[in-house]
């Protein structure tokens, strides 16, 4: 598939607390065919760890 399904963008950033729900969201997007783009960004908001993970559609990696 040369484009993401359901009209989704080629580049996505998911954010949220570092918990099972966030990990499942990232896993679901990987299962669609996206690939991790670099490592995650992690910060602490005073209460919990917050993670941001960029994902990219494989064709977009090569400028297609």
Protein backbone atom coordinates (compact mmCIF):
# COMPACT_ATOMS: atom_id res chain seq x y z
CA UNK A 1 0.00 0.00 0.00
CA UNK A 2 1.57 3.29 -1.07
CA UNK A 3 -0.54 5.56 1.13
CA UNK A 4 -1.83 5.20 4.68
CA UNK A 5 -5.29 3.65 5.08
CA UNK A 6 -8.47 5.63 5.69
CA UNK A 7 -6.97 8.93 4.54
CA UNK A 8 -4.60 9.07 7.51
CA UNK A 9 -1.59 11.40 7.22
CA UNK A 10 1.87 10.08 6.33
CA UNK A 11 3.35 11.56 9.52
CA UNK A 12 1.78 11.23 12.95
CA UNK A 13 2.76 12.10 16.49
CA UNK A 14 1.08 10.31 19.35
CA UNK A 15 1.32 11.74 22.85
CA UNK A 16 0.13 10.65 26.25
CA UNK A 17 1.05 9.33 29.66
CA UNK A 18 3.61 6.52 29.60
CA UNK A 19 1.16 3.73 30.32
CA UNK A 20 -0.34 0.62 28.77
CA UNK A 21 -2.94 2.63 26.85
CA UNK A 22 -0.28 4.75 25.15
CA UNK A 23 1.78 1.67 24.28
CA UNK A 24 -1.28 0.00 22.75
CA UNK A 25 -2.03 3.12 20.67
CA UNK A 26 1.49 3.09 19.26
CA UNK A 27 1.29 -0.68 18.67
CA UNK A 28 -2.01 -0.26 16.80
CA UNK A 29 -0.50 2.35 14.47
CA UNK A 30 2.52 0.12 13.82
CA UNK A 31 0.12 -2.72 12.99
CA UNK A 32 -1.41 -0.45 10.31
CA UNK A 33 2.00 -0.24 8.64
CA UNK A 34 3.57 2.90 10.13
CA UNK A 35 7.18 2.82 11.35
CA UNK A 36 8.72 4.55 14.35
CA UNK A 37 10.48 7.77 13.40
CA UNK A 38 13.44 8.22 15.71
CA UNK A 39 13.10 7.59 19.43
CA UNK A 40 10.39 8.95 21.69
CA UNK A 41 10.49 12.28 23.50
CA UNK A 42 9.86 11.96 27.22
CA UNK A 43 9.09 14.60 29.81
CA UNK A 44 7.68 14.81 33.32
CA UNK A 45 4.74 17.14 33.97
CA UNK A 46 5.07 17.15 37.75
CA UNK A 47 2.71 14.21 38.17
CA UNK A 48 3.54 11.64 35.52
CA UNK A 49 5.83 10.82 32.60
CA UNK A 50 4.46 12.02 29.24
CA UNK A 51 5.69 10.47 25.98
CA UNK A 52 5.57 11.67 22.37
CA UNK A 53 6.29 9.22 19.57
CA UNK A 54 6.50 10.19 15.91
CA UNK A 55 5.48 7.61 13.32
CA UNK A 56 5.89 7.80 9.58
CA UNK A 57 4.38 5.91 6.67
CA UNK A 58 7.26 3.90 5.09
CA UNK A 59 6.90 5.48 1.62
CA UNK A 60 7.32 8.93 3.19
CA UNK A 61 10.79 7.97 4.49
CA UNK A 62 12.13 8.06 0.94
CA UNK A 63 10.26 11.16 -0.20
CA UNK A 64 7.76 9.21 -2.33
